[in-house]
Amino acid sequence: MLYQQVLDLLKSEISPDEYQRYIRHLRYDEKASSSDMLVFLVPNQLLVRWIQTKYANKIAHIYESLTGKSPTVVIQYHSSRQDVNNPVTKPSATTPKTVSTLLNTSYTFENFVVGSSNQLAFAAARSAAKSPGQQYNPLFIYGGSGLGKTHLMQAIGNYAISRGFTVIYTTSEQFLNDFLYNVRNQTMDRFRQKYRQCDFLLIDDIQFLSNKEQTQEEFFHTFNELYNLKKQIVLSSDKPPKKIAGFEERLTSRFEWGLMADVQPPGLETKISIIKKKCEMDNIHLDDEVIHYIAIHMEDNIREIESAIIYLNAHANLLSRKITIDFATEVMKDLIKDRAVDITLDDIIRVIARELNIKPSDIKSKKRSRPIVEARRIGIYLAKTLTPENKMKDLAEFFGLKDHTAVSHAMKTINKLLKTDENFKIKVEALKSKITSAKSVSGEMK
């Protein structure tokens, strides 16, 4: 069964002592589980807290790597006198589905890798956590999926809890379900008490309240009360407030009262740092060549990168193999998107010029400054690699060189640098990845 595969993979990632002490006690509750929620039962409350804190996120990552779905993992207590196969009463029509909103304790500021793509959001999040309700209220964090918004929000929550504050962290979907349940049961006083008497209200993916007029009305009043009491509000979305359709203008304007901080896709150096941090946290050993391979060839979604590392390590443990570059290439071939597309010489020059901040015309000129010569040589190398249909004389003509011997000389120089200069190799591979990914996504260079 799938859940057993997940536990077997988890067993391969942790020590035998950890497995015997904690994980072997898990019992899967099939009736209470669903495609987006995995429920496991354990025989005492201490195990509930420990496994939820230390292992739930690992279980979710492994499940996602196998299925592509990111579940909520819930660890529940059951008495040994209960029937293990049917220990929990299924939710009735009047009982809301239990969804864990526990903060993941591994999401801290110390574990967040800061780079130029997320520096502002990180600084703002830390400031909001340390000085709630003051300078950055509300804090609105936006950016694409899997770039670290949830990590920053939960880091705020974990820091606030460590200082004794009351924190409500929830997704917009959970907020909506909670609202509808209390409306149906005429218990809105309970709902308002929960959301309006906290020190920090953190709502992830606020865009999913789009066109939910009643819920927006309630959130509007909740926002106003918390703001007037100088309680900290933190929201996240995939886009800035003005670009979210289906929201009342009065709410959109309030989202902009504090600070809006965007999280951009990480650069290559940040991706490498993220991979190293993940390996350090999970005690996974990858050499630099494998780390660079993952950073260059995986897309920018950090959750997908982390899942790929778990997937790779699990395969190595199950097969008793060392993670070499050849092993990583073989195991990850299905995780890395096929980028075989028709690339032109102009496509190559356009990306190199943009990334190295050099005019395309300069790359094809006879100018001899060091940056231009390097860009020209990289262009020749990538043209030879990505457009094998072009002969040496074609490349010489395109790059404005005297003849094919100049192309041959450039290739020899580049190949020597690739063998002796690791940083140069990373730069070239990153440019190659940008060329192929841009072409495969849009069919033409951006």
Foldseek 3Di string as FASTA:
>chain_A
DLLVVLLLLVPLLDDPVVCVVAVVQWDWAVVLADPAETETEGADPVSQVVCLQPPQCSSQLQSCLVPVHRHQYHYYYFHPPADSHDGDDHDDPLGFRDGDPDQHLCLALVLDQDDPQAPVVSVVLVVCLVQFLPQFAAEEEAAAAQQCPSSSLSNSVNSNVVVPFFEDEEELVVLVSVVVSCVVVVNVVVVLCVLQVGQEYEYEANLVCAQVVVSLVVVVVSSVNNNVVSRYYYYYHHDQLVPRHRHDPVVSVSNVPHDYGYRYQDDLVSQLVSLVSLCVVSVHDDDPVLSLVLSQQADRNNSLSSSLSSQLSSVCSVVVHDDDNVSSCVSCVVVGDDLQADADLVLLLVLLCVVLVHDSVLLLDPDDDPSSLVSVLLSLQLCCVNPVVDDLQNSCVRSVHPGSVVSVVSNVVLVVCCVPPVVSVSVSSNSSSLSSVQCRVPVGHD
